[in-house]
Each structure stands twice: as structure tokens, then as C-alpha cells.
Amino acid sequence: MSNSKYQIFDNFLEDPDEVLEFPDITHKLNKMFNVRVGWLTFYQHLVSQNIGKPTPHTDVRWDFSGVIYLKGSDGTWIDNEIVPFKYNRAVCFDAHIPHHPLHGTKDRLAITFFSKYV
């Protein structure tokens, strides 16, 4: 065994072309809302993690935030309103409005993004 500081795994993804389409989401968001996405990531809440009750927060470094629902059953609390979960639904809002994800009885997977206005 080598003492290398890194490991290499060739052919890691089953379908790398699918991942390459991911930047299309950023382009679509930028164009649709006249923003510049600065951070976009997958965010997973597992029921087994026993995450405590989420507390409202704001994304003070950003102007515009959002979430795209992929898996789960619970939506997002935004300033005392609940936006229900629906597969492939994008929910976008002013980043300075209090919000938090809702945790239910199913694992949740979403794409979250944070943007600045252009």
C-alpha cells in the first residue's frame, strides 16, 4: 500500500453526462430571476439523523435564496407560511425573509441555492 496523500477512482460516476447538465440549473435560475447564483448544492436531511426542530434563519450574505425539492414529503416554512413539498418544485424568496426547512417522517433531498441580484 502506498503512502499517497490522495486516492484515485476512475469511472466513479455511472453517468457523468447527467452531472454535467447540473450547470444548466444555475443558468436557468440566473436567467429566470435576473440573479447570479453564487452557491448551489445538494442538501440532504436524513430522518435517522434526528435533526432537532429547525429554527427560522435568514441568509444574510445573499439577496435571493431558493430550494428545489427532489425527495421527501415536507416543504419549507417561509415567514409563517408553509410551502408544500412537490417533486421538482422550485421555491424562491428574498434571502432576508426568515425561513427554514420542514423535517418530517421521510428523508429529504433538495438543491439549495443562494444568489446576488445582478
N, C-alpha and C. Protein backbone atom coordinates (compact mmCIF):
# COMPACT_ATOMS: atom_id res chain seq x y z
N MET A 1 0.84 -1.19 0.00
CA MET A 1 0.00 0.00 0.00
C MET A 1 0.88 1.24 0.00
N SER A 2 0.49 2.18 -0.78
CA SER A 2 1.27 3.41 -0.92
C SER A 2 0.89 4.41 0.17
N ASN A 3 1.77 5.34 0.45
CA ASN A 3 1.52 6.39 1.43
C ASN A 3 1.09 7.68 0.74
N SER A 4 0.38 7.56 -0.36
CA SER A 4 -0.05 8.72 -1.12
C SER A 4 -0.99 9.59 -0.30
N LYS A 5 -0.97 10.88 -0.60
CA LYS A 5 -1.85 11.83 0.08
C LYS A 5 -3.22 11.90 -0.58
N TYR A 6 -3.42 11.12 -1.61
CA TYR A 6 -4.72 11.12 -2.29
C TYR A 6 -5.01 9.74 -2.86
N GLN A 7 -6.28 9.54 -3.21
CA GLN A 7 -6.71 8.30 -3.83
C GLN A 7 -7.40 8.63 -5.14
N ILE A 8 -7.29 7.74 -6.11
CA ILE A 8 -7.90 7.93 -7.43
C ILE A 8 -8.88 6.79 -7.69
N PHE A 9 -10.07 7.16 -8.16
CA PHE A 9 -11.08 6.18 -8.52
C PHE A 9 -11.59 6.52 -9.92
N ASP A 10 -11.08 5.84 -10.92
CA ASP A 10 -11.53 6.07 -12.30
C ASP A 10 -12.95 5.54 -12.49
N ASN A 11 -13.67 6.13 -13.45
CA ASN A 11 -15.04 5.73 -13.78
C ASN A 11 -15.94 5.73 -12.55
N PHE A 12 -15.81 6.76 -11.73
CA PHE A 12 -16.54 6.85 -10.47
C PHE A 12 -18.04 7.03 -10.66
N LEU A 13 -18.46 7.89 -11.58
CA LEU A 13 -19.88 8.14 -11.80
C LEU A 13 -20.42 7.22 -12.89
N GLU A 14 -21.64 6.75 -12.66
CA GLU A 14 -22.26 5.89 -13.66
C GLU A 14 -22.62 6.68 -14.92
N ASP A 15 -23.07 7.92 -14.73
CA ASP A 15 -23.48 8.73 -15.87
C ASP A 15 -22.96 10.17 -15.69
N PRO A 16 -21.68 10.41 -16.01
CA PRO A 16 -21.11 11.75 -15.83
C PRO A 16 -21.83 12.82 -16.64
N ASP A 17 -22.43 12.45 -17.77
CA ASP A 17 -23.15 13.45 -18.57
C ASP A 17 -24.31 14.06 -17.80
N GLU A 18 -24.93 13.25 -16.94
CA GLU A 18 -26.04 13.74 -16.12
C GLU A 18 -25.54 14.84 -15.18
N VAL A 19 -24.37 14.65 -14.61
CA VAL A 19 -23.79 15.64 -13.70
C VAL A 19 -23.40 16.90 -14.47
N LEU A 20 -22.94 16.73 -15.68
CA LEU A 20 -22.55 17.89 -16.49
C LEU A 20 -23.73 18.79 -16.81
N GLU A 21 -24.94 18.25 -16.76
CA GLU A 21 -26.14 19.05 -17.00
C GLU A 21 -26.47 19.94 -15.81
N PHE A 22 -25.85 19.67 -14.65
CA PHE A 22 -26.12 20.42 -13.44
C PHE A 22 -25.92 21.94 -13.63
N PRO A 23 -24.86 22.39 -14.35
CA PRO A 23 -24.72 23.84 -14.55
C PRO A 23 -25.90 24.47 -15.29
N ASP A 24 -26.67 23.68 -16.01
CA ASP A 24 -27.86 24.22 -16.69
C ASP A 24 -28.86 24.78 -15.68
N ILE A 25 -28.91 24.19 -14.49
CA ILE A 25 -29.81 24.69 -13.45
C ILE A 25 -29.40 26.10 -13.05
N THR A 26 -28.11 26.31 -12.84
CA THR A 26 -27.60 27.63 -12.49
C THR A 26 -27.94 28.65 -13.57
N HIS A 27 -27.72 28.29 -14.81
CA HIS A 27 -28.02 29.19 -15.93
C HIS A 27 -29.51 29.54 -15.96
N LYS A 28 -30.36 28.54 -15.76
CA LYS A 28 -31.81 28.77 -15.78
C LYS A 28 -32.22 29.71 -14.65
N LEU A 29 -31.70 29.49 -13.44
CA LEU A 29 -32.02 30.36 -12.31
C LEU A 29 -31.55 31.79 -12.56
N ASN A 30 -30.32 31.93 -13.05
CA ASN A 30 -29.78 33.26 -13.34
C ASN A 30 -30.67 34.02 -14.31
N LYS A 31 -31.05 33.36 -15.37
CA LYS A 31 -31.85 33.99 -16.42
C LYS A 31 -33.28 34.28 -15.95
N MET A 32 -33.88 33.33 -15.25
CA MET A 32 -35.27 33.43 -14.84
C MET A 32 -35.50 34.55 -13.82
N PHE A 33 -34.53 34.74 -12.91
CA PHE A 33 -34.72 35.68 -11.80
C PHE A 33 -33.77 36.87 -11.84
N ASN A 34 -32.98 36.99 -12.90
CA ASN A 34 -32.02 38.08 -13.05
C ASN A 34 -31.09 38.16 -11.83
N VAL A 35 -30.53 37.01 -11.50
CA VAL A 35 -29.60 36.90 -10.37
C VAL A 35 -28.31 36.25 -10.86
N ARG A 36 -27.33 36.22 -9.98
CA ARG A 36 -26.11 35.47 -10.24
C ARG A 36 -25.94 34.49 -9.08
N VAL A 37 -26.20 33.21 -9.36
CA VAL A 37 -26.08 32.18 -8.33
C VAL A 37 -24.63 32.10 -7.88
N GLY A 38 -24.43 32.20 -6.57
CA GLY A 38 -23.09 32.13 -6.02
C GLY A 38 -22.81 30.83 -5.30
N TRP A 39 -23.87 30.11 -4.93
CA TRP A 39 -23.72 28.85 -4.21
C TRP A 39 -24.91 27.97 -4.53
N LEU A 40 -24.66 26.76 -4.98
CA LEU A 40 -25.72 25.81 -5.32
C LEU A 40 -25.23 24.44 -4.88
N THR A 41 -26.05 23.73 -4.11
CA THR A 41 -25.60 22.46 -3.57
C THR A 41 -26.77 21.52 -3.30
N PHE A 42 -26.48 20.25 -3.25
CA PHE A 42 -27.46 19.27 -2.79
C PHE A 42 -27.48 19.34 -1.27
N TYR A 43 -28.66 19.25 -0.69
CA TYR A 43 -28.78 19.29 0.77
C TYR A 43 -29.69 18.15 1.18
N GLN A 44 -29.19 17.29 2.06
CA GLN A 44 -29.93 16.11 2.46
C GLN A 44 -30.20 16.12 3.96
N HIS A 45 -31.45 15.89 4.34
CA HIS A 45 -31.84 15.70 5.73
C HIS A 45 -32.29 14.25 5.87
N LEU A 46 -31.59 13.46 6.65
CA LEU A 46 -31.97 12.08 6.87
C LEU A 46 -32.74 11.97 8.17
N VAL A 47 -33.85 11.25 8.15
CA VAL A 47 -34.67 11.06 9.35
C VAL A 47 -33.80 10.44 10.45
N SER A 48 -32.91 9.53 10.08
CA SER A 48 -32.07 8.84 11.05
C SER A 48 -31.10 9.78 11.77
N GLN A 49 -30.90 10.99 11.25
CA GLN A 49 -30.00 11.96 11.90
C GLN A 49 -30.64 12.61 13.12
N ASN A 50 -31.95 12.43 13.29
CA ASN A 50 -32.67 13.03 14.42
C ASN A 50 -32.36 14.51 14.55
N ILE A 51 -32.46 15.22 13.44
CA ILE A 51 -32.20 16.66 13.44
C ILE A 51 -33.27 17.32 14.31
N GLY A 52 -32.84 18.20 15.17
CA GLY A 52 -33.78 18.89 16.05
C GLY A 52 -34.72 19.80 15.25
N LYS A 53 -35.62 20.41 15.98
CA LYS A 53 -36.59 21.30 15.34
C LYS A 53 -35.83 22.46 14.68
N PRO A 54 -36.06 22.68 13.39
CA PRO A 54 -35.35 23.76 12.72
C PRO A 54 -35.82 25.12 13.23
N THR A 55 -34.91 26.06 13.27
CA THR A 55 -35.26 27.41 13.70
C THR A 55 -35.18 28.37 12.51
N PRO A 56 -36.03 29.36 12.50
CA PRO A 56 -36.00 30.33 11.40
C PRO A 56 -34.64 31.02 11.32
N HIS A 57 -34.21 31.25 10.09
CA HIS A 57 -32.95 31.95 9.86
C HIS A 57 -33.08 32.77 8.58
N THR A 58 -32.12 33.62 8.36
CA THR A 58 -32.02 34.36 7.10
C THR A 58 -30.66 34.07 6.51
N ASP A 59 -30.53 34.29 5.22
CA ASP A 59 -29.26 34.07 4.53
C ASP A 59 -28.64 35.44 4.26
N VAL A 60 -28.07 36.04 5.30
CA VAL A 60 -27.68 37.45 5.26
C VAL A 60 -26.62 37.80 4.22
N ARG A 61 -25.83 36.83 3.81
CA ARG A 61 -24.79 37.12 2.80
C ARG A 61 -25.34 37.22 1.38
N TRP A 62 -26.60 36.84 1.20
CA TRP A 62 -27.18 36.74 -0.13
C TRP A 62 -28.40 37.64 -0.28
N ASP A 63 -28.85 37.83 -1.51
CA ASP A 63 -30.05 38.61 -1.80
C ASP A 63 -31.26 37.72 -2.03
N PHE A 64 -31.02 36.55 -2.61
CA PHE A 64 -32.09 35.71 -3.13
C PHE A 64 -31.74 34.26 -2.83
N SER A 65 -32.66 33.51 -2.26
CA SER A 65 -32.42 32.10 -1.92
C SER A 65 -33.50 31.22 -2.51
N GLY A 66 -33.23 29.93 -2.52
CA GLY A 66 -34.26 29.02 -3.01
C GLY A 66 -33.91 27.57 -2.78
N VAL A 67 -34.91 26.76 -3.05
CA VAL A 67 -34.78 25.32 -2.88
C VAL A 67 -35.55 24.64 -4.00
N ILE A 68 -35.01 23.54 -4.49
CA ILE A 68 -35.70 22.71 -5.48
C ILE A 68 -35.88 21.35 -4.84
N TYR A 69 -37.14 20.94 -4.65
CA TYR A 69 -37.44 19.68 -3.96
C TYR A 69 -37.20 18.49 -4.88
N LEU A 70 -36.48 17.49 -4.35
CA LEU A 70 -36.20 16.27 -5.12
C LEU A 70 -36.78 15.02 -4.45
N LYS A 71 -36.61 14.89 -3.13
CA LYS A 71 -37.14 13.74 -2.40
C LYS A 71 -37.67 14.23 -1.06
N GLY A 72 -38.71 13.57 -0.57
CA GLY A 72 -39.23 13.90 0.74
C GLY A 72 -40.73 14.09 0.71
N SER A 73 -41.22 14.74 1.76
CA SER A 73 -42.65 14.96 1.86
C SER A 73 -42.99 16.31 2.49
N ASP A 74 -41.99 16.99 3.02
CA ASP A 74 -42.25 18.23 3.72
C ASP A 74 -41.55 19.39 3.03
N GLY A 75 -42.20 20.51 3.04
CA GLY A 75 -41.72 21.67 2.30
C GLY A 75 -40.86 22.61 3.12
N THR A 76 -41.20 23.89 3.03
CA THR A 76 -40.39 24.94 3.64
C THR A 76 -41.31 25.94 4.34
N TRP A 77 -40.90 26.36 5.51
CA TRP A 77 -41.58 27.40 6.25
C TRP A 77 -40.93 28.72 5.85
N ILE A 78 -41.73 29.65 5.33
CA ILE A 78 -41.21 30.96 4.93
C ILE A 78 -42.09 32.03 5.55
N ASP A 79 -41.57 32.71 6.57
CA ASP A 79 -42.24 33.84 7.21
C ASP A 79 -43.70 33.51 7.57
N ASN A 80 -43.87 32.44 8.34
CA ASN A 80 -45.19 32.00 8.84
C ASN A 80 -46.10 31.38 7.78
N GLU A 81 -45.58 31.08 6.62
CA GLU A 81 -46.35 30.36 5.60
C GLU A 81 -45.60 29.08 5.26
N ILE A 82 -46.36 28.04 4.97
CA ILE A 82 -45.75 26.77 4.60
C ILE A 82 -45.93 26.54 3.10
N VAL A 83 -44.80 26.32 2.42
CA VAL A 83 -44.83 25.96 1.01
C VAL A 83 -44.73 24.44 0.96
N PRO A 84 -45.77 23.76 0.46
CA PRO A 84 -45.76 22.29 0.46
C PRO A 84 -44.70 21.71 -0.48
N PHE A 85 -44.23 20.52 -0.09
CA PHE A 85 -43.31 19.77 -0.93
C PHE A 85 -44.04 19.28 -2.17
N LYS A 86 -43.40 19.43 -3.30
CA LYS A 86 -43.86 18.82 -4.55
C LYS A 86 -42.60 18.52 -5.35
N TYR A 87 -42.48 17.30 -5.82
CA TYR A 87 -41.30 16.89 -6.58
C TYR A 87 -41.00 17.87 -7.71
N ASN A 88 -39.76 18.30 -7.79
CA ASN A 88 -39.23 19.17 -8.83
C ASN A 88 -39.80 20.60 -8.75
N ARG A 89 -40.32 20.98 -7.60
CA ARG A 89 -40.82 22.35 -7.40
C ARG A 89 -39.66 23.24 -6.94
N ALA A 90 -39.52 24.39 -7.56
CA ALA A 90 -38.54 25.39 -7.12
C ALA A 90 -39.29 26.45 -6.31
N VAL A 91 -38.76 26.75 -5.14
CA VAL A 91 -39.31 27.78 -4.27
C VAL A 91 -38.23 28.83 -4.10
N CYS A 92 -38.53 30.08 -4.47
CA CYS A 92 -37.55 31.15 -4.46
C CYS A 92 -38.06 32.29 -3.60
N PHE A 93 -37.16 32.96 -2.88
CA PHE A 93 -37.58 34.02 -1.96
C PHE A 93 -36.43 34.94 -1.61
N ASP A 94 -36.78 36.12 -1.10
CA ASP A 94 -35.80 37.09 -0.62
C ASP A 94 -35.02 36.43 0.51
N ALA A 95 -33.70 36.46 0.42
CA ALA A 95 -32.85 35.76 1.39
C ALA A 95 -32.95 36.34 2.80
N HIS A 96 -33.50 37.55 2.93
CA HIS A 96 -33.59 38.19 4.25
C HIS A 96 -34.91 37.90 4.96
N ILE A 97 -35.76 37.10 4.34
CA ILE A 97 -37.02 36.68 4.97
C ILE A 97 -36.74 35.43 5.80
N PRO A 98 -37.21 35.39 7.06
CA PRO A 98 -36.99 34.19 7.89
C PRO A 98 -37.61 32.95 7.23
N HIS A 99 -36.86 31.85 7.28
CA HIS A 99 -37.30 30.60 6.67
C HIS A 99 -36.57 29.42 7.31
N HIS A 100 -37.09 28.23 7.07
CA HIS A 100 -36.40 27.01 7.47
C HIS A 100 -37.04 25.81 6.79
N PRO A 101 -36.27 24.74 6.60
CA PRO A 101 -36.84 23.52 6.02
C PRO A 101 -37.76 22.86 7.03
N LEU A 102 -38.69 22.07 6.53
CA LEU A 102 -39.56 21.28 7.40
C LEU A 102 -39.07 19.84 7.37
N HIS A 103 -38.93 19.25 8.53
CA HIS A 103 -38.48 17.86 8.64
C HIS A 103 -39.66 16.99 9.02
N GLY A 104 -39.85 15.93 8.27
CA GLY A 104 -40.98 15.06 8.54
C GLY A 104 -40.55 13.64 8.82
N THR A 105 -41.31 12.71 8.28
CA THR A 105 -41.07 11.30 8.53
C THR A 105 -40.34 10.62 7.38
N LYS A 106 -39.96 11.41 6.36
CA LYS A 106 -39.22 10.87 5.22
C LYS A 106 -37.91 11.63 5.05
N ASP A 107 -36.90 10.94 4.52
CA ASP A 107 -35.66 11.62 4.17
C ASP A 107 -35.96 12.71 3.15
N ARG A 108 -35.19 13.80 3.21
CA ARG A 108 -35.43 14.94 2.33
C ARG A 108 -34.16 15.23 1.55
N LEU A 109 -34.30 15.43 0.25
CA LEU A 109 -33.18 15.82 -0.59
C LEU A 109 -33.64 17.00 -1.44
N ALA A 110 -32.84 18.05 -1.42
CA ALA A 110 -33.18 19.24 -2.17
C ALA A 110 -31.91 19.87 -2.73
N ILE A 111 -32.08 20.68 -3.74
CA ILE A 111 -30.99 21.53 -4.21
C ILE A 111 -31.27 22.90 -3.61
N THR A 112 -30.31 23.45 -2.89
CA THR A 112 -30.47 24.80 -2.36
C THR A 112 -29.54 25.73 -3.11
N PHE A 113 -29.98 26.98 -3.27
CA PHE A 113 -29.12 27.94 -3.96
C PHE A 113 -29.25 29.31 -3.32
N PHE A 114 -28.18 30.07 -3.45
CA PHE A 114 -28.08 31.41 -2.88
C PHE A 114 -27.49 32.32 -3.95
N SER A 115 -28.09 33.51 -4.09
CA SER A 115 -27.73 34.38 -5.22
C SER A 115 -27.62 35.84 -4.80
N LYS A 116 -26.97 36.60 -5.67
CA LYS A 116 -26.93 38.05 -5.58
C LYS A 116 -27.70 38.58 -6.79
N TYR A 117 -28.38 39.72 -6.58
CA TYR A 117 -29.05 40.34 -7.73
C TYR A 117 -28.00 40.89 -8.68
N VAL A 118 -28.32 40.85 -9.97
CA VAL A 118 -27.38 41.32 -10.99
C VAL A 118 -27.41 42.83 -11.03
